N, C-alpha and C. Protein backbone atom coordinates (compact mmCIF):
# COMPACT_ATOMS: atom_id res chain seq x y z
N MET A 1 -7.20 35.65 9.90
CA MET A 1 -7.99 35.38 8.73
C MET A 1 -7.48 34.12 8.05
N ARG A 2 -8.40 33.28 7.61
CA ARG A 2 -8.05 32.06 6.88
C ARG A 2 -7.76 32.38 5.43
N PRO A 3 -6.76 31.72 4.85
CA PRO A 3 -6.52 31.93 3.42
C PRO A 3 -7.65 31.31 2.60
N LEU A 4 -7.99 31.95 1.51
CA LEU A 4 -9.02 31.45 0.61
C LEU A 4 -8.37 30.99 -0.68
N LEU A 5 -8.65 29.77 -1.06
CA LEU A 5 -8.11 29.23 -2.30
C LEU A 5 -9.19 29.29 -3.36
N ALA A 6 -8.93 30.07 -4.39
CA ALA A 6 -9.90 30.20 -5.47
C ALA A 6 -9.15 30.41 -6.79
N ALA A 7 -9.76 29.96 -7.85
CA ALA A 7 -9.17 30.11 -9.17
C ALA A 7 -9.30 31.54 -9.67
N LEU A 8 -10.27 32.28 -9.15
CA LEU A 8 -10.56 33.61 -9.66
C LEU A 8 -11.03 34.51 -8.55
N SER A 9 -10.62 35.77 -8.60
CA SER A 9 -11.15 36.78 -7.69
C SER A 9 -11.57 37.98 -8.51
N ALA A 10 -12.54 38.73 -7.98
CA ALA A 10 -13.03 39.90 -8.68
C ALA A 10 -13.56 40.89 -7.65
N SER A 11 -13.61 42.14 -8.03
CA SER A 11 -14.19 43.15 -7.16
C SER A 11 -15.71 43.13 -7.30
N ILE A 12 -16.37 43.76 -6.35
CA ILE A 12 -17.83 43.87 -6.43
C ILE A 12 -18.21 44.66 -7.68
N ALA A 13 -17.43 45.68 -8.02
CA ALA A 13 -17.70 46.48 -9.22
C ALA A 13 -17.64 45.62 -10.48
N GLU A 14 -16.64 44.73 -10.56
CA GLU A 14 -16.54 43.83 -11.72
C GLU A 14 -17.73 42.90 -11.79
N LEU A 15 -18.16 42.40 -10.63
CA LEU A 15 -19.32 41.50 -10.59
C LEU A 15 -20.57 42.22 -11.06
N LYS A 16 -20.78 43.44 -10.59
CA LYS A 16 -21.96 44.22 -10.99
C LYS A 16 -21.92 44.57 -12.48
N LYS A 17 -20.72 44.85 -12.99
CA LYS A 17 -20.59 45.28 -14.39
C LYS A 17 -20.97 44.18 -15.36
N ASN A 18 -20.50 42.95 -15.11
CA ASN A 18 -20.78 41.87 -16.05
C ASN A 18 -20.71 40.52 -15.35
N PRO A 19 -21.75 40.14 -14.61
CA PRO A 19 -21.71 38.89 -13.85
C PRO A 19 -21.61 37.65 -14.74
N SER A 20 -22.22 37.67 -15.91
CA SER A 20 -22.19 36.49 -16.79
C SER A 20 -20.76 36.17 -17.24
N THR A 21 -20.01 37.20 -17.61
CA THR A 21 -18.63 37.00 -18.04
C THR A 21 -17.78 36.44 -16.91
N LEU A 22 -17.98 36.97 -15.71
CA LEU A 22 -17.23 36.49 -14.55
C LEU A 22 -17.50 35.01 -14.30
N LEU A 23 -18.75 34.60 -14.38
CA LEU A 23 -19.09 33.19 -14.17
C LEU A 23 -18.54 32.30 -15.28
N GLU A 24 -18.53 32.80 -16.50
CA GLU A 24 -17.92 32.04 -17.59
C GLU A 24 -16.42 31.86 -17.37
N GLN A 25 -15.76 32.91 -16.92
CA GLN A 25 -14.33 32.84 -16.66
C GLN A 25 -14.03 31.86 -15.53
N ALA A 26 -14.92 31.77 -14.57
CA ALA A 26 -14.71 30.88 -13.42
C ALA A 26 -14.75 29.42 -13.84
N ASP A 27 -15.50 29.11 -14.87
CA ASP A 27 -15.58 27.76 -15.40
C ASP A 27 -15.89 26.72 -14.32
N GLY A 28 -16.84 27.05 -13.46
CA GLY A 28 -17.26 26.10 -12.43
C GLY A 28 -16.42 26.10 -11.17
N GLU A 29 -15.41 26.94 -11.09
CA GLU A 29 -14.56 27.02 -9.90
C GLU A 29 -15.06 28.10 -8.95
N THR A 30 -14.56 28.08 -7.74
CA THR A 30 -14.93 29.08 -6.74
C THR A 30 -14.43 30.46 -7.15
N VAL A 31 -15.26 31.47 -6.93
CA VAL A 31 -14.89 32.85 -7.19
C VAL A 31 -14.94 33.62 -5.87
N VAL A 32 -13.87 34.34 -5.55
CA VAL A 32 -13.85 35.20 -4.37
C VAL A 32 -14.21 36.61 -4.82
N ILE A 33 -15.21 37.19 -4.18
CA ILE A 33 -15.62 38.56 -4.47
C ILE A 33 -15.03 39.46 -3.39
N LEU A 34 -14.22 40.44 -3.82
CA LEU A 34 -13.51 41.29 -2.88
C LEU A 34 -14.16 42.66 -2.76
N SER A 35 -14.15 43.17 -1.54
CA SER A 35 -14.58 44.52 -1.25
C SER A 35 -13.48 45.17 -0.43
N ARG A 36 -12.82 46.15 -1.02
CA ARG A 36 -11.67 46.80 -0.37
C ARG A 36 -10.59 45.78 -0.01
N ASN A 37 -10.35 44.86 -0.93
CA ASN A 37 -9.36 43.78 -0.79
C ASN A 37 -9.65 42.81 0.35
N GLN A 38 -10.87 42.79 0.82
CA GLN A 38 -11.31 41.82 1.82
C GLN A 38 -12.37 40.93 1.18
N PRO A 39 -12.35 39.63 1.45
CA PRO A 39 -13.33 38.73 0.82
C PRO A 39 -14.62 38.60 1.61
N PRO A 40 -15.61 39.45 1.35
CA PRO A 40 -16.87 39.34 2.08
C PRO A 40 -17.77 38.21 1.58
N SER A 41 -17.51 37.70 0.36
CA SER A 41 -18.38 36.65 -0.15
C SER A 41 -17.67 35.75 -1.14
N LEU A 42 -18.27 34.57 -1.34
CA LEU A 42 -17.77 33.59 -2.30
C LEU A 42 -18.92 33.15 -3.18
N ILE A 43 -18.61 32.81 -4.40
CA ILE A 43 -19.58 32.17 -5.28
C ILE A 43 -19.14 30.72 -5.38
N LEU A 44 -19.99 29.82 -4.88
CA LEU A 44 -19.68 28.40 -4.92
C LEU A 44 -20.66 27.70 -5.84
N TYR A 45 -20.16 26.77 -6.60
CA TYR A 45 -20.99 25.95 -7.44
C TYR A 45 -21.43 24.73 -6.64
N PRO A 46 -22.58 24.16 -6.93
CA PRO A 46 -23.11 23.04 -6.13
C PRO A 46 -22.13 21.89 -5.93
N GLN A 47 -21.35 21.54 -6.93
CA GLN A 47 -20.42 20.41 -6.79
C GLN A 47 -19.31 20.73 -5.78
N HIS A 48 -19.06 22.01 -5.48
CA HIS A 48 -18.04 22.40 -4.51
C HIS A 48 -18.61 22.56 -3.12
N ASN A 49 -19.90 22.55 -3.00
CA ASN A 49 -20.56 22.83 -1.74
C ASN A 49 -21.13 21.55 -1.12
N THR A 50 -20.33 20.52 -1.08
CA THR A 50 -20.77 19.25 -0.49
C THR A 50 -19.94 18.95 0.74
N ARG A 51 -20.56 18.29 1.69
CA ARG A 51 -19.84 17.90 2.90
C ARG A 51 -19.46 16.44 2.82
N THR A 52 -18.27 16.14 3.32
CA THR A 52 -17.82 14.74 3.29
C THR A 52 -17.78 14.17 4.68
């Protein structure tokens, strides 16, 4: 498994409970969403999703 570098991680339950707060806390940085301590998904902002 590749390491994931993110400023913030949260469980799926936390995301479902209050997604707006989670996005505010992220402040435009990548958020790793964990399910059973495994990262099944990421929330990426457009400025982070560019290819060079």
